[in-house]
Amino acid sequence: LNTQGAHPIHKATILPRGSALGMVTQLPSQDETSISKKQLLARLDVCMGGRVAEELIFGEDNVTTGARNDLHTATELAQYMVSNCGMSDAIGPVHVKERPSVEMQSRIDAEVVKLLREAYGRVKRLLKKHEKQLHALANALLERETLTADEINKVVHPYQEEPQLSFQEEDFALT
């Protein structure tokens, strides 16, 4: 919800599906033919969300293997960004061949780790900033198991601003 460039949320669930212990479903708001770096970074952030949330809620020593698929996806995405899309300042705007040299592979690996650590840091700051909403959402999911986008917004933003009427004292003066 708070990551610029991310697809809108369709629903979230904690019901297990296959190897996933829960998931957030996102749907693009329009057709995509090309994806911007901003959107790819947002995808990395979304992949890190579950792991960071688990750490903030349960503590570092109690994180589980539940985010392993998200970490795998994030690592492949970062690899794609660096090796195929030229989205790394250190590597440059090149498409790296299938079997790069040992030196080049080492540089790619370092950039992938850098992208993943940066995403992790962004998400940790974001979730700490919105920690009350994180806990409210976790509790709502524990209670309902699946939430739609509208339900998520109501949990995260419970007070929709109502238009305020502004009255002057003279508006009520007796004549």
N, C-alpha and C. Protein backbone atom coordinates (compact mmCIF):
# COMPACT_ATOMS: atom_id res chain seq x y z
N LEU A 1 0.81 -1.21 0.00
CA LEU A 1 0.00 0.00 0.00
C LEU A 1 0.84 1.26 0.00
N ASN A 2 1.99 1.21 0.63
CA ASN A 2 2.82 2.41 0.81
C ASN A 2 4.08 2.42 -0.04
N THR A 3 4.15 1.53 -1.02
CA THR A 3 5.33 1.45 -1.88
C THR A 3 4.99 1.99 -3.26
N GLN A 4 5.59 3.13 -3.60
CA GLN A 4 5.35 3.71 -4.92
C GLN A 4 5.83 2.77 -6.01
N GLY A 5 5.01 2.59 -7.02
CA GLY A 5 5.37 1.73 -8.14
C GLY A 5 4.84 0.32 -8.01
N ALA A 6 4.32 -0.04 -6.84
CA ALA A 6 3.79 -1.40 -6.65
C ALA A 6 2.39 -1.50 -7.24
N HIS A 7 2.06 -2.70 -7.71
CA HIS A 7 0.71 -2.95 -8.20
C HIS A 7 -0.28 -2.85 -7.04
N PRO A 8 -1.52 -2.44 -7.32
CA PRO A 8 -2.53 -2.39 -6.25
C PRO A 8 -2.82 -3.79 -5.70
N ILE A 9 -3.11 -3.84 -4.42
CA ILE A 9 -3.45 -5.10 -3.77
C ILE A 9 -4.86 -5.51 -4.15
N HIS A 10 -5.02 -6.78 -4.47
CA HIS A 10 -6.34 -7.36 -4.75
C HIS A 10 -6.89 -8.00 -3.49
N LYS A 11 -6.06 -8.84 -2.84
CA LYS A 11 -6.46 -9.44 -1.57
C LYS A 11 -5.23 -9.99 -0.86
N ALA A 12 -5.40 -10.30 0.41
CA ALA A 12 -4.34 -10.92 1.21
C ALA A 12 -4.97 -12.05 2.00
N THR A 13 -4.21 -13.12 2.18
CA THR A 13 -4.71 -14.26 2.94
C THR A 13 -3.59 -14.90 3.73
N ILE A 14 -3.98 -15.52 4.83
CA ILE A 14 -3.02 -16.33 5.59
C ILE A 14 -3.35 -17.82 5.44
N LEU A 15 -4.31 -18.12 4.56
CA LEU A 15 -4.63 -19.52 4.29
C LEU A 15 -3.53 -20.13 3.43
N PRO A 16 -3.00 -21.29 3.81
CA PRO A 16 -1.95 -21.93 3.01
C PRO A 16 -2.47 -22.36 1.64
N ARG A 17 -1.64 -22.13 0.62
CA ARG A 17 -1.94 -22.55 -0.75
C ARG A 17 -0.67 -23.19 -1.29
N GLY A 18 -0.68 -24.48 -1.49
CA GLY A 18 0.53 -25.16 -1.95
C GLY A 18 1.64 -24.98 -0.94
N SER A 19 2.78 -24.51 -1.41
CA SER A 19 3.90 -24.31 -0.48
C SER A 19 3.84 -22.94 0.20
N ALA A 20 2.92 -22.08 -0.24
CA ALA A 20 2.79 -20.75 0.35
C ALA A 20 1.95 -20.83 1.62
N LEU A 21 2.42 -20.20 2.67
CA LEU A 21 1.68 -20.18 3.93
C LEU A 21 0.66 -19.05 3.97
N GLY A 22 0.69 -18.22 3.01
CA GLY A 22 -0.20 -17.09 2.87
C GLY A 22 0.31 -16.26 1.71
N MET A 23 -0.48 -15.31 1.27
CA MET A 23 -0.03 -14.52 0.13
C MET A 23 -0.81 -13.23 -0.01
N VAL A 24 -0.18 -12.31 -0.72
CA VAL A 24 -0.82 -11.07 -1.13
C VAL A 24 -0.93 -11.13 -2.63
N THR A 25 -2.14 -10.94 -3.14
CA THR A 25 -2.36 -10.94 -4.58
C THR A 25 -2.45 -9.51 -5.05
N GLN A 26 -1.65 -9.20 -6.06
CA GLN A 26 -1.67 -7.86 -6.64
C GLN A 26 -2.06 -7.97 -8.10
N LEU A 27 -2.78 -6.99 -8.57
CA LEU A 27 -3.17 -6.95 -9.97
C LEU A 27 -2.75 -5.63 -10.58
N PRO A 28 -2.14 -5.67 -11.76
CA PRO A 28 -1.77 -4.40 -12.41
C PRO A 28 -3.02 -3.61 -12.76
N SER A 29 -2.91 -2.31 -12.68
CA SER A 29 -4.05 -1.46 -13.00
C SER A 29 -4.21 -1.25 -14.50
N GLN A 30 -3.18 -1.62 -15.27
CA GLN A 30 -3.24 -1.53 -16.73
C GLN A 30 -2.28 -2.54 -17.35
N ASP A 31 -2.41 -2.76 -18.65
CA ASP A 31 -1.50 -3.67 -19.34
C ASP A 31 -0.07 -3.15 -19.26
N GLU A 32 0.87 -4.08 -19.18
CA GLU A 32 2.27 -3.69 -19.13
C GLU A 32 3.03 -4.35 -20.27
N THR A 33 3.81 -3.54 -20.97
CA THR A 33 4.71 -4.10 -21.97
C THR A 33 6.15 -3.93 -21.53
N SER A 34 6.43 -2.85 -20.85
CA SER A 34 7.74 -2.59 -20.28
C SER A 34 7.55 -2.25 -18.82
N ILE A 35 8.55 -2.59 -18.02
CA ILE A 35 8.47 -2.36 -16.58
C ILE A 35 9.62 -1.44 -16.19
N SER A 36 9.30 -0.39 -15.46
CA SER A 36 10.32 0.58 -15.06
C SER A 36 11.16 0.05 -13.90
N LYS A 37 12.30 0.65 -13.71
CA LYS A 37 13.16 0.30 -12.57
C LYS A 37 12.41 0.54 -11.27
N LYS A 38 11.66 1.64 -11.21
CA LYS A 38 10.87 1.95 -10.02
C LYS A 38 9.89 0.82 -9.70
N GLN A 39 9.24 0.27 -10.73
CA GLN A 39 8.30 -0.82 -10.53
C GLN A 39 9.03 -2.10 -10.09
N LEU A 40 10.20 -2.36 -10.66
CA LEU A 40 10.96 -3.55 -10.27
C LEU A 40 11.46 -3.43 -8.84
N LEU A 41 11.91 -2.25 -8.45
CA LEU A 41 12.32 -2.03 -7.05
C LEU A 41 11.13 -2.22 -6.11
N ALA A 42 9.96 -1.77 -6.55
CA ALA A 42 8.75 -1.97 -5.73
C ALA A 42 8.45 -3.46 -5.58
N ARG A 43 8.67 -4.23 -6.62
CA ARG A 43 8.46 -5.68 -6.53
C ARG A 43 9.44 -6.31 -5.54
N LEU A 44 10.68 -5.83 -5.55
CA LEU A 44 11.65 -6.32 -4.57
C LEU A 44 11.15 -6.00 -3.15
N ASP A 45 10.65 -4.80 -2.96
CA ASP A 45 10.15 -4.40 -1.65
C ASP A 45 8.99 -5.30 -1.21
N VAL A 46 8.08 -5.57 -2.12
CA VAL A 46 6.93 -6.42 -1.79
C VAL A 46 7.41 -7.82 -1.41
N CYS A 47 8.40 -8.33 -2.12
CA CYS A 47 8.96 -9.65 -1.79
C CYS A 47 9.55 -9.67 -0.38
N MET A 48 10.13 -8.58 0.05
CA MET A 48 10.76 -8.51 1.37
C MET A 48 9.74 -8.26 2.49
N GLY A 49 8.54 -7.85 2.13
CA GLY A 49 7.54 -7.46 3.13
C GLY A 49 7.22 -8.51 4.16
N GLY A 50 6.98 -9.73 3.73
CA GLY A 50 6.61 -10.78 4.67
C GLY A 50 7.71 -11.10 5.65
N ARG A 51 8.93 -11.19 5.15
CA ARG A 51 10.07 -11.49 6.02
C ARG A 51 10.29 -10.39 7.06
N VAL A 52 10.24 -9.14 6.60
CA VAL A 52 10.45 -8.02 7.52
C VAL A 52 9.31 -7.95 8.53
N ALA A 53 8.08 -8.14 8.08
CA ALA A 53 6.93 -8.10 8.99
C ALA A 53 7.06 -9.18 10.06
N GLU A 54 7.45 -10.37 9.65
CA GLU A 54 7.64 -11.47 10.59
C GLU A 54 8.70 -11.12 11.64
N GLU A 55 9.76 -10.51 11.18
CA GLU A 55 10.84 -10.11 12.09
C GLU A 55 10.36 -9.05 13.08
N LEU A 56 9.60 -8.07 12.60
CA LEU A 56 9.12 -7.01 13.48
C LEU A 56 8.08 -7.52 14.47
N ILE A 57 7.25 -8.44 14.05
CA ILE A 57 6.18 -8.94 14.93
C ILE A 57 6.70 -9.99 15.91
N PHE A 58 7.52 -10.93 15.43
CA PHE A 58 7.94 -12.05 16.27
C PHE A 58 9.37 -11.93 16.80
N GLY A 59 10.17 -11.03 16.25
CA GLY A 59 11.55 -10.87 16.67
C GLY A 59 12.51 -11.61 15.74
N GLU A 60 13.74 -11.10 15.66
CA GLU A 60 14.76 -11.66 14.75
C GLU A 60 15.01 -13.14 14.95
N ASP A 61 15.01 -13.59 16.19
CA ASP A 61 15.30 -14.99 16.47
C ASP A 61 14.14 -15.93 16.15
N ASN A 62 12.98 -15.37 15.85
CA ASN A 62 11.81 -16.20 15.59
C ASN A 62 11.31 -16.13 14.16
N VAL A 63 12.11 -15.59 13.24
CA VAL A 63 11.70 -15.63 11.83
C VAL A 63 11.72 -17.09 11.39
N THR A 64 10.87 -17.38 10.42
CA THR A 64 10.73 -18.75 9.95
C THR A 64 11.18 -18.86 8.50
N THR A 65 11.02 -20.04 7.96
CA THR A 65 11.33 -20.28 6.55
C THR A 65 10.17 -19.86 5.65
N GLY A 66 9.14 -19.28 6.22
CA GLY A 66 7.95 -18.93 5.47
C GLY A 66 8.17 -18.00 4.29
N ALA A 67 9.20 -17.17 4.34
CA ALA A 67 9.45 -16.21 3.26
C ALA A 67 10.43 -16.73 2.22
N ARG A 68 10.78 -18.01 2.27
CA ARG A 68 11.82 -18.53 1.37
C ARG A 68 11.48 -18.34 -0.10
N ASN A 69 10.22 -18.54 -0.47
CA ASN A 69 9.84 -18.36 -1.87
C ASN A 69 9.95 -16.89 -2.28
N ASP A 70 9.55 -15.99 -1.39
CA ASP A 70 9.68 -14.55 -1.67
C ASP A 70 11.14 -14.16 -1.82
N LEU A 71 12.00 -14.70 -0.98
CA LEU A 71 13.44 -14.40 -1.07
C LEU A 71 14.01 -14.95 -2.38
N HIS A 72 13.56 -16.13 -2.77
CA HIS A 72 14.00 -16.72 -4.05
C HIS A 72 13.57 -15.82 -5.21
N THR A 73 12.31 -15.40 -5.19
CA THR A 73 11.78 -14.53 -6.24
C THR A 73 12.54 -13.21 -6.28
N ALA A 74 12.79 -12.62 -5.11
CA ALA A 74 13.51 -11.35 -5.04
C ALA A 74 14.93 -11.49 -5.59
N THR A 75 15.58 -12.59 -5.26
CA THR A 75 16.95 -12.81 -5.73
C THR A 75 16.98 -12.96 -7.25
N GLU A 76 16.04 -13.72 -7.79
CA GLU A 76 15.97 -13.87 -9.26
C GLU A 76 15.66 -12.54 -9.93
N LEU A 77 14.79 -11.76 -9.34
CA LEU A 77 14.44 -10.45 -9.90
C LEU A 77 15.63 -9.51 -9.89
N ALA A 78 16.35 -9.47 -8.78
CA ALA A 78 17.54 -8.62 -8.68
C ALA A 78 18.59 -9.07 -9.70
N GLN A 79 18.75 -10.37 -9.86
CA GLN A 79 19.69 -10.92 -10.85
C GLN A 79 19.30 -10.47 -12.26
N TYR A 80 18.02 -10.53 -12.55
CA TYR A 80 17.48 -10.11 -13.85
C TYR A 80 17.75 -8.62 -14.08
N MET A 81 17.51 -7.81 -13.05
CA MET A 81 17.72 -6.37 -13.18
C MET A 81 19.17 -6.06 -13.50
N VAL A 82 20.10 -6.73 -12.82
CA VAL A 82 21.52 -6.46 -12.98
C VAL A 82 22.06 -7.06 -14.27
N SER A 83 21.74 -8.33 -14.52
CA SER A 83 22.35 -9.07 -15.64
C SER A 83 21.68 -8.84 -16.99
N ASN A 84 20.37 -8.64 -16.98
CA ASN A 84 19.65 -8.57 -18.25
C ASN A 84 19.17 -7.18 -18.63
N CYS A 85 18.96 -6.34 -17.63
CA CYS A 85 18.34 -5.03 -17.91
C CYS A 85 19.29 -3.85 -17.73
N GLY A 86 20.52 -4.10 -17.34
CA GLY A 86 21.47 -3.01 -17.18
C GLY A 86 21.08 -2.03 -16.10
N MET A 87 20.42 -2.50 -15.04
CA MET A 87 19.94 -1.61 -13.98
C MET A 87 20.86 -1.62 -12.77
N SER A 88 22.15 -1.53 -13.04
CA SER A 88 23.16 -1.46 -11.99
C SER A 88 24.23 -0.48 -12.42
N ASP A 89 24.49 0.51 -11.59
CA ASP A 89 25.54 1.48 -11.91
C ASP A 89 26.91 0.82 -11.93
N ALA A 90 27.13 -0.14 -11.04
CA ALA A 90 28.44 -0.80 -10.94
C ALA A 90 28.73 -1.70 -12.14
N ILE A 91 27.72 -2.35 -12.67
CA ILE A 91 27.91 -3.25 -13.82
C ILE A 91 27.74 -2.48 -15.12
N GLY A 92 26.80 -1.56 -15.12
CA GLY A 92 26.59 -0.74 -16.31
C GLY A 92 25.45 -1.26 -17.17
N PRO A 93 25.16 -0.51 -18.24
CA PRO A 93 24.06 -0.85 -19.12
C PRO A 93 24.45 -1.95 -20.12
N VAL A 94 24.65 -3.14 -19.59
CA VAL A 94 25.03 -4.27 -20.44
C VAL A 94 24.11 -5.45 -20.16
N HIS A 95 24.01 -6.32 -21.15
CA HIS A 95 23.35 -7.61 -20.98
C HIS A 95 24.48 -8.62 -20.80
N VAL A 96 24.51 -9.26 -19.65
CA VAL A 96 25.59 -10.19 -19.33
C VAL A 96 25.29 -11.54 -19.95
N LYS A 97 26.30 -12.11 -20.60
CA LYS A 97 26.13 -13.41 -21.25
C LYS A 97 25.81 -14.49 -20.22
N GLU A 98 25.36 -15.65 -20.72
CA GLU A 98 24.94 -16.74 -19.84
C GLU A 98 26.02 -17.22 -18.89
N ARG A 99 27.22 -17.33 -19.35
CA ARG A 99 28.31 -17.79 -18.48
C ARG A 99 29.38 -16.71 -18.39
N PRO A 100 29.14 -15.74 -17.47
CA PRO A 100 30.11 -14.65 -17.34
C PRO A 100 31.40 -15.15 -16.69
N SER A 101 32.42 -14.35 -16.81
CA SER A 101 33.69 -14.68 -16.16
C SER A 101 33.49 -14.72 -14.65
N VAL A 102 34.41 -15.34 -13.95
CA VAL A 102 34.34 -15.42 -12.49
C VAL A 102 34.31 -14.02 -11.88
N GLU A 103 35.14 -13.13 -12.43
CA GLU A 103 35.18 -11.76 -11.92
C GLU A 103 33.84 -11.06 -12.13
N MET A 104 33.28 -11.18 -13.33
CA MET A 104 31.99 -10.54 -13.62
C MET A 104 30.89 -11.14 -12.75
N GLN A 105 30.88 -12.44 -12.58
CA GLN A 105 29.86 -13.08 -11.74
C GLN A 105 29.95 -12.59 -10.31
N SER A 106 31.16 -12.39 -9.83
CA SER A 106 31.36 -11.88 -8.48
C SER A 106 30.80 -10.46 -8.36
N ARG A 107 31.02 -9.64 -9.36
CA ARG A 107 30.49 -8.27 -9.36
C ARG A 107 28.96 -8.28 -9.42
N ILE A 108 28.40 -9.17 -10.24
CA ILE A 108 26.94 -9.30 -10.34
C ILE A 108 26.37 -9.72 -8.99
N ASP A 109 26.98 -10.73 -8.38
CA ASP A 109 26.50 -11.22 -7.09
C ASP A 109 26.50 -10.10 -6.05
N ALA A 110 27.56 -9.29 -6.04
CA ALA A 110 27.65 -8.18 -5.10
C ALA A 110 26.52 -7.17 -5.33
N GLU A 111 26.21 -6.90 -6.58
CA GLU A 111 25.13 -5.96 -6.91
C GLU A 111 23.77 -6.53 -6.53
N VAL A 112 23.58 -7.82 -6.74
CA VAL A 112 22.32 -8.47 -6.36
C VAL A 112 22.13 -8.36 -4.86
N VAL A 113 23.15 -8.68 -4.10
CA VAL A 113 23.07 -8.58 -2.64
C VAL A 113 22.79 -7.13 -2.23
N LYS A 114 23.43 -6.18 -2.89
CA LYS A 114 23.20 -4.77 -2.59
C LYS A 114 21.73 -4.39 -2.81
N LEU A 115 21.16 -4.79 -3.95
CA LEU A 115 19.76 -4.49 -4.24
C LEU A 115 18.84 -5.11 -3.19
N LEU A 116 19.13 -6.35 -2.80
CA LEU A 116 18.29 -7.04 -1.83
C LEU A 116 18.39 -6.39 -0.45
N ARG A 117 19.59 -6.02 -0.05
CA ARG A 117 19.77 -5.36 1.26
C ARG A 117 19.09 -3.98 1.27
N GLU A 118 19.19 -3.27 0.15
CA GLU A 118 18.52 -1.96 0.07
C GLU A 118 17.01 -2.11 0.17
N ALA A 119 16.45 -3.11 -0.52
CA ALA A 119 15.01 -3.36 -0.44
C ALA A 119 14.60 -3.72 0.99
N TYR A 120 15.38 -4.58 1.61
CA TYR A 120 15.12 -4.97 2.99
C TYR A 120 15.12 -3.74 3.90
N GLY A 121 16.09 -2.88 3.73
CA GLY A 121 16.16 -1.66 4.54
C GLY A 121 14.99 -0.73 4.31
N ARG A 122 14.60 -0.55 3.04
CA ARG A 122 13.45 0.32 2.73
C ARG A 122 12.19 -0.22 3.40
N VAL A 123 11.99 -1.52 3.28
CA VAL A 123 10.78 -2.14 3.82
C VAL A 123 10.78 -2.08 5.35
N LYS A 124 11.93 -2.29 5.96
CA LYS A 124 12.01 -2.24 7.41
C LYS A 124 11.65 -0.83 7.91
N ARG A 125 12.21 0.19 7.27
CA ARG A 125 11.88 1.57 7.65
C ARG A 125 10.38 1.85 7.45
N LEU A 126 9.85 1.40 6.34
CA LEU A 126 8.44 1.64 6.02
C LEU A 126 7.51 0.95 7.02
N LEU A 127 7.80 -0.31 7.32
CA LEU A 127 6.94 -1.04 8.25
C LEU A 127 7.09 -0.53 9.69
N LYS A 128 8.27 -0.07 10.05
CA LYS A 128 8.42 0.53 11.38
C LYS A 128 7.61 1.82 11.46
N LYS A 129 7.64 2.58 10.40
CA LYS A 129 6.88 3.84 10.35
C LYS A 129 5.37 3.57 10.48
N HIS A 130 4.92 2.46 9.92
CA HIS A 130 3.50 2.11 9.92
C HIS A 130 3.23 0.88 10.79
N GLU A 131 3.95 0.78 11.90
CA GLU A 131 3.87 -0.43 12.72
C GLU A 131 2.48 -0.67 13.32
N LYS A 132 1.78 0.39 13.69
CA LYS A 132 0.41 0.21 14.22
C LYS A 132 -0.50 -0.42 13.18
N GLN A 133 -0.38 0.05 11.93
CA GLN A 133 -1.19 -0.51 10.86
C GLN A 133 -0.79 -1.96 10.57
N LEU A 134 0.51 -2.24 10.66
CA LEU A 134 0.99 -3.61 10.46
C LEU A 134 0.35 -4.56 11.46
N HIS A 135 0.35 -4.18 12.72
CA HIS A 135 -0.25 -5.03 13.75
C HIS A 135 -1.77 -5.14 13.57
N ALA A 136 -2.42 -4.04 13.20
CA ALA A 136 -3.86 -4.07 12.96
C ALA A 136 -4.18 -5.02 11.80
N LEU A 137 -3.38 -4.96 10.75
CA LEU A 137 -3.60 -5.84 9.60
C LEU A 137 -3.34 -7.30 9.97
N ALA A 138 -2.27 -7.56 10.72
CA ALA A 138 -1.98 -8.93 11.17
C ALA A 138 -3.13 -9.47 12.00
N ASN A 139 -3.65 -8.67 12.92
CA ASN A 139 -4.77 -9.11 13.75
C ASN A 139 -6.03 -9.35 12.94
N ALA A 140 -6.29 -8.49 11.96
CA ALA A 140 -7.47 -8.68 11.09
C ALA A 140 -7.34 -9.96 10.28
N LEU A 141 -6.14 -10.26 9.81
CA LEU A 141 -5.93 -11.50 9.06
C LEU A 141 -6.09 -12.72 9.96
N LEU A 142 -5.63 -12.63 11.18
CA LEU A 142 -5.81 -13.75 12.12
C LEU A 142 -7.30 -13.99 12.39
N GLU A 143 -8.06 -12.91 12.43
CA GLU A 143 -9.49 -13.01 12.69
C GLU A 143 -10.28 -13.49 11.47
N ARG A 144 -9.97 -12.95 10.28
CA ARG A 144 -10.78 -13.21 9.09
C ARG A 144 -10.12 -14.15 8.08
N GLU A 145 -8.82 -14.33 8.16
CA GLU A 145 -7.99 -15.19 7.29
C GLU A 145 -7.75 -14.64 5.89
N THR A 146 -8.75 -14.00 5.30
CA THR A 146 -8.61 -13.41 3.96
C THR A 146 -9.28 -12.05 3.97
N LEU A 147 -8.60 -11.06 3.38
CA LEU A 147 -9.13 -9.70 3.30
C LEU A 147 -9.04 -9.20 1.87
N THR A 148 -10.07 -8.51 1.43
CA THR A 148 -10.05 -7.87 0.11
C THR A 148 -9.32 -6.54 0.22
N ALA A 149 -9.07 -5.91 -0.90
CA ALA A 149 -8.40 -4.61 -0.91
C ALA A 149 -9.18 -3.59 -0.09
N ASP A 150 -10.50 -3.56 -0.25
CA ASP A 150 -11.33 -2.61 0.51
C ASP A 150 -11.23 -2.87 2.01
N GLU A 151 -11.26 -4.14 2.40
CA GLU A 151 -11.15 -4.48 3.82
C GLU A 151 -9.78 -4.10 4.37
N ILE A 152 -8.74 -4.32 3.58
CA ILE A 152 -7.40 -3.95 4.00
C ILE A 152 -7.31 -2.44 4.22
N ASN A 153 -7.85 -1.68 3.28
CA ASN A 153 -7.83 -0.22 3.41
C ASN A 153 -8.59 0.25 4.64
N LYS A 154 -9.70 -0.41 4.97
CA LYS A 154 -10.46 -0.03 6.16
C LYS A 154 -9.68 -0.33 7.44
N VAL A 155 -8.91 -1.41 7.44
CA VAL A 155 -8.10 -1.75 8.61
C VAL A 155 -6.93 -0.79 8.74
N VAL A 156 -6.28 -0.52 7.63
CA VAL A 156 -5.06 0.30 7.65
C VAL A 156 -5.38 1.79 7.77
N HIS A 157 -6.47 2.21 7.19
CA HIS A 157 -6.89 3.62 7.23
C HIS A 157 -8.30 3.68 7.81
N PRO A 158 -8.46 3.46 9.12
CA PRO A 158 -9.80 3.34 9.68
C PRO A 158 -10.61 4.63 9.69
N TYR A 159 -9.95 5.75 9.65
CA TYR A 159 -10.68 7.01 9.72
C TYR A 159 -10.63 7.72 8.39
N GLN A 160 -11.66 7.51 7.60
CA GLN A 160 -11.75 8.24 6.35
C GLN A 160 -12.16 9.66 6.68
N GLU A 161 -11.46 10.59 6.11
CA GLU A 161 -11.74 11.98 6.44
C GLU A 161 -13.09 12.38 5.86
N GLU A 162 -13.96 12.78 6.75
CA GLU A 162 -15.27 13.29 6.36
C GLU A 162 -15.13 14.78 6.10
N PRO A 163 -15.85 15.29 5.14
CA PRO A 163 -15.78 16.73 4.93
C PRO A 163 -16.27 17.45 6.18
N GLN A 164 -15.50 18.39 6.64
CA GLN A 164 -15.84 19.13 7.84
C GLN A 164 -16.60 20.40 7.45
N LEU A 165 -17.70 20.60 8.13
CA LEU A 165 -18.45 21.82 7.90
C LEU A 165 -17.87 22.89 8.80
N SER A 166 -17.72 24.05 8.26
CA SER A 166 -17.14 25.14 9.02
C SER A 166 -18.23 26.19 9.26
N PHE A 167 -18.54 26.41 10.53
CA PHE A 167 -19.56 27.39 10.86
C PHE A 167 -18.91 28.54 11.60
N GLN A 168 -19.42 29.71 11.33
CA GLN A 168 -19.00 30.91 12.05
C GLN A 168 -20.03 31.16 13.15
N GLU A 169 -19.60 31.76 14.24
CA GLU A 169 -20.51 32.05 15.34
C GLU A 169 -21.69 32.89 14.85
N GLU A 170 -21.44 33.79 13.92
CA GLU A 170 -22.52 34.66 13.45
C GLU A 170 -23.56 33.89 12.62
N ASP A 171 -23.20 32.69 12.14
CA ASP A 171 -24.18 31.88 11.41
C ASP A 171 -25.33 31.46 12.30
N PHE A 172 -25.10 31.48 13.62
CA PHE A 172 -26.13 31.04 14.56
C PHE A 172 -26.70 32.20 15.37
N ALA A 173 -26.36 33.40 14.99
CA ALA A 173 -26.84 34.56 15.74
C ALA A 173 -28.35 34.68 15.59
N LEU A 174 -28.99 35.04 16.69
CA LEU A 174 -30.45 35.24 16.67
C LEU A 174 -30.71 36.63 16.09
N THR A 175 -31.70 36.69 15.24
CA THR A 175 -32.04 37.99 14.67
C THR A 175 -33.33 38.50 15.19
